[in-house]
Amino acid sequence: MCKLLRLKEWLSSGLEKVYFIVHRHDGTGAHLLAKYTIEQFNKHLCASIPEIVLQPGTMDEVV
C-alpha cells in the first residue's frame, strides 16, 4: 500500500502517466499479481485500467 500512496501523491502533484511492470522471476502467478495490481490501482488511484483478458488455455498450467 505504501507504493500506492506514493503514486497517489505524485498523481496529485501533476504526474500524468505511469508505466508499471509486474514481473515474477519464475512466471508463476504473474497473471494473478497483475490482476490484483490493476484492481488496486483502479480502487485507490481512481484509474480506469481495463481488466486483463487472457487467451483460453494460456495460464492453465501456471496456477
Protein backbone atom coordinates (compact mmCIF):
# COMPACT_ATOMS: atom_id res chain seq x y z
CA MET A 1 0.00 0.00 0.00
CA CYS A 2 2.92 2.36 0.66
CA LYS A 3 3.82 2.43 -3.04
CA LEU A 4 0.22 3.25 -3.92
CA LEU A 5 0.27 6.19 -1.52
CA ARG A 6 3.44 7.47 -3.17
CA LEU A 7 1.88 7.13 -6.62
CA LYS A 8 -1.25 8.89 -5.38
CA GLU A 9 0.89 11.77 -4.13
CA TRP A 10 2.76 12.03 -7.44
CA LEU A 11 -0.53 11.99 -9.38
CA SER A 12 -1.85 14.78 -7.16
CA SER A 13 1.33 16.73 -7.90
CA GLY A 14 0.78 16.55 -11.65
CA LEU A 15 2.14 13.20 -12.79
CA GLU A 16 0.18 12.29 -15.91
CA LYS A 17 1.40 8.86 -16.95
CA VAL A 18 2.80 5.83 -15.12
CA TYR A 19 4.46 2.80 -16.70
CA PHE A 20 4.29 -0.13 -14.32
CA ILE A 21 5.74 -3.60 -14.85
CA VAL A 22 4.61 -6.69 -12.97
CA HIS A 23 7.22 -9.45 -13.00
CA ARG A 24 7.84 -12.70 -11.18
CA HIS A 25 11.19 -14.42 -11.68
CA ASP A 26 9.61 -17.81 -12.36
CA GLY A 27 6.43 -16.52 -14.02
CA THR A 28 4.08 -18.41 -11.72
CA GLY A 29 1.16 -16.35 -10.62
CA ALA A 30 2.25 -13.29 -12.60
CA HIS A 31 -1.19 -13.00 -14.17
CA LEU A 32 -2.81 -13.09 -10.71
CA LEU A 33 -0.41 -10.45 -9.40
CA ALA A 34 -1.10 -8.26 -12.44
CA LYS A 35 -4.85 -8.65 -11.94
CA TYR A 36 -4.56 -7.70 -8.27
CA THR A 37 -2.34 -4.72 -9.09
CA ILE A 38 -4.84 -3.41 -11.64
CA GLU A 39 -7.69 -3.83 -9.16
CA GLN A 40 -5.76 -1.85 -6.53
CA PHE A 41 -4.79 0.90 -8.98
CA ASN A 42 -8.40 1.24 -10.08
CA LYS A 43 -9.68 1.24 -6.50
CA HIS A 44 -7.15 3.50 -4.80
CA LEU A 45 -5.95 5.73 -7.64
CA CYS A 46 -9.29 6.14 -9.42
CA ALA A 47 -7.67 4.64 -12.50
CA SER A 48 -9.63 3.03 -15.30
CA ILE A 49 -7.25 0.29 -16.34
CA PRO A 50 -9.11 -2.47 -18.18
CA GLU A 51 -9.06 -5.98 -16.75
CA ILE A 52 -6.52 -8.36 -18.25
CA VAL A 53 -8.10 -10.82 -20.66
CA LEU A 54 -6.06 -13.96 -21.24
CA GLN A 55 -6.49 -16.28 -24.16
CA PRO A 56 -8.20 -19.53 -23.13
CA GLY A 57 -5.72 -22.19 -22.02
CA THR A 58 -2.69 -19.89 -21.73
CA MET A 59 -2.45 -19.98 -17.94
CA ASP A 60 -3.94 -23.36 -17.11
CA GLU A 61 -0.56 -24.85 -16.21
CA VAL A 62 0.72 -21.85 -14.21
CA VAL A 63 -1.82 -21.58 -11.39
